[in-house]
Amino acid sequence: METEKELNDAILKLTLKIRNEYPELSKYLIEMPVTIPDNNSPEINIKILKDYYESLNSILKKYAPNHTIIEDK
């Protein structure tokens, strides 16, 4: 089973990949429901982190095959 730290690391890695290789998707990172809590003290747990990771991964898997990576010049 993945720990909270492992999930946070995986989310960070995937987020950085999206921002660096597909910056046009960054707007979706801000709009994702998990990033906009509906209360002042949201509880973050393993399930929420897994769901968030899977949603990021899903966006990337659907988008990446049809688009080229933006490279720094």
C-alpha atoms as a PDB file:
ATOM      1  CA  MET A   1       0.000   0.000   0.000  1.00  0.00           C
ATOM      2  CA  GLU A   2       1.228   3.463  -0.818  1.00  0.00           C
ATOM      3  CA  THR A   3       1.923   5.904   1.959  1.00  0.00           C
ATOM      4  CA  GLU A   4       0.785   9.500   2.044  1.00  0.00           C
ATOM      5  CA  LYS A   5       4.369  10.620   1.365  1.00  0.00           C
ATOM      6  CA  GLU A   6       4.694   8.301  -1.652  1.00  0.00           C
ATOM      7  CA  LEU A   7       1.420   9.585  -3.078  1.00  0.00           C
ATOM      8  CA  ASN A   8       2.425  13.210  -2.509  1.00  0.00           C
ATOM      9  CA  ASP A   9       5.745  12.535  -4.247  1.00  0.00           C
ATOM     10  CA  ALA A  10       3.973  10.863  -7.189  1.00  0.00           C
ATOM     11  CA  ILE A  11       1.495  13.757  -7.453  1.00  0.00           C
ATOM     12  CA  LEU A  12       4.328  16.281  -7.404  1.00  0.00           C
ATOM     13  CA  LYS A  13       6.231  14.385 -10.088  1.00  0.00           C
ATOM     14  CA  LEU A  14       3.160  14.119 -12.322  1.00  0.00           C
ATOM     15  CA  THR A  15       2.242  17.772 -11.771  1.00  0.00           C
ATOM     16  CA  LEU A  16       5.762  18.875 -12.700  1.00  0.00           C
ATOM     17  CA  LYS A  17       5.657  16.691 -15.808  1.00  0.00           C
ATOM     18  CA  ILE A  18       2.384  18.282 -16.876  1.00  0.00           C
ATOM     19  CA  ARG A  19       3.663  21.809 -16.221  1.00  0.00           C
ATOM     20  CA  ASN A  20       6.998  21.230 -17.959  1.00  0.00           C
ATOM     21  CA  GLU A  21       5.973  19.071 -20.919  1.00  0.00           C
ATOM     22  CA  TYR A  22       2.341  20.097 -21.454  1.00  0.00           C
ATOM     23  CA  PRO A  23       1.965  23.610 -19.968  1.00  0.00           C
ATOM     24  CA  GLU A  24      -1.314  24.085 -21.823  1.00  0.00           C
ATOM     25  CA  LEU A  25      -2.845  21.575 -19.367  1.00  0.00           C
ATOM     26  CA  SER A  26      -1.854  23.636 -16.313  1.00  0.00           C
ATOM     27  CA  LYS A  27      -5.217  25.405 -16.332  1.00  0.00           C
ATOM     28  CA  TYR A  28      -6.885  22.062 -15.561  1.00  0.00           C
ATOM     29  CA  LEU A  29      -4.720  21.543 -12.500  1.00  0.00           C
ATOM     30  CA  ILE A  30      -6.207  24.654 -10.928  1.00  0.00           C
ATOM     31  CA  GLU A  31      -9.779  23.694 -11.819  1.00  0.00           C
ATOM     32  CA  MET A  32      -9.715  20.173 -10.389  1.00  0.00           C
ATOM     33  CA  PRO A  33     -12.225  19.795  -7.510  1.00  0.00           C
ATOM     34  CA  VAL A  34      -9.690  18.314  -5.112  1.00  0.00           C
ATOM     35  CA  THR A  35      -7.658  21.540  -5.310  1.00  0.00           C
ATOM     36  CA  ILE A  36     -10.704  23.612  -4.315  1.00  0.00           C
ATOM     37  CA  PRO A  37     -11.852  22.321  -0.925  1.00  0.00           C
ATOM     38  CA  ASP A  38     -15.438  23.015   0.059  1.00  0.00           C
ATOM     39  CA  ASN A  39     -14.624  23.672   3.704  1.00  0.00           C
ATOM     40  CA  ASN A  40     -12.019  25.500   5.771  1.00  0.00           C
ATOM     41  CA  SER A  41     -10.268  22.383   7.101  1.00  0.00           C
ATOM     42  CA  PRO A  42     -10.415  19.689   4.434  1.00  0.00           C
ATOM     43  CA  GLU A  43      -9.301  16.240   5.462  1.00  0.00           C
ATOM     44  CA  ILE A  44      -6.646  14.856   3.164  1.00  0.00           C
ATOM     45  CA  ASN A  45      -6.343  11.093   3.271  1.00  0.00           C
ATOM     46  CA  ILE A  46      -4.921   8.274   1.179  1.00  0.00           C
ATOM     47  CA  LYS A  47      -8.137   7.829  -0.825  1.00  0.00           C
ATOM     48  CA  ILE A  48      -8.321  11.516  -1.730  1.00  0.00           C
ATOM     49  CA  LEU A  49      -4.657  11.523  -2.745  1.00  0.00           C
ATOM     50  CA  LYS A  50      -5.102   8.361  -4.852  1.00  0.00           C
ATOM     51  CA  ASP A  51      -8.163   9.838  -6.545  1.00  0.00           C
ATOM     52  CA  TYR A  52      -6.283  13.056  -7.280  1.00  0.00           C
ATOM     53  CA  TYR A  53      -3.288  11.151  -8.661  1.00  0.00           C
ATOM     54  CA  GLU A  54      -5.570   9.061 -10.869  1.00  0.00           C
ATOM     55  CA  SER A  55      -7.339  12.146 -12.197  1.00  0.00           C
ATOM     56  CA  LEU A  56      -3.979  13.761 -13.088  1.00  0.00           C
ATOM     57  CA  ASN A  57      -2.816  10.542 -14.696  1.00  0.00           C
ATOM     58  CA  SER A  58      -6.051  10.263 -16.664  1.00  0.00           C
ATOM     59  CA  ILE A  59      -5.689  13.786 -18.060  1.00  0.00           C
ATOM     60  CA  LEU A  60      -2.133  13.043 -19.112  1.00  0.00           C
ATOM     61  CA  LYS A  61      -2.937   9.657 -20.677  1.00  0.00           C
ATOM     62  CA  LYS A  62      -5.788  11.115 -22.724  1.00  0.00           C
ATOM     63  CA  TYR A  63      -3.852  14.162 -23.856  1.00  0.00           C
ATOM     64  CA  ALA A  64      -0.219  13.094 -24.326  1.00  0.00           C
ATOM     65  CA  PRO A  65      -0.582  10.569 -27.169  1.00  0.00           C
ATOM     66  CA  ASN A  66      -2.042  13.227 -29.455  1.00  0.00           C
ATOM     67  CA  HIS A  67       0.315  16.093 -28.632  1.00  0.00           C
ATOM     68  CA  THR A  68       4.007  16.734 -28.786  1.00  0.00           C
ATOM     69  CA  ILE A  69       6.128  17.626 -25.799  1.00  0.00           C
ATOM     70  CA  ILE A  70       7.128  21.274 -25.541  1.00  0.00           C
ATOM     71  CA  GLU A  71      10.885  21.492 -25.264  1.00  0.00           C
ATOM     72  CA  ASP A  72      12.961  24.432 -24.068  1.00  0.00           C
ATOM     73  CA  LYS A  73      15.079  25.978 -26.771  1.00  0.00           C
END
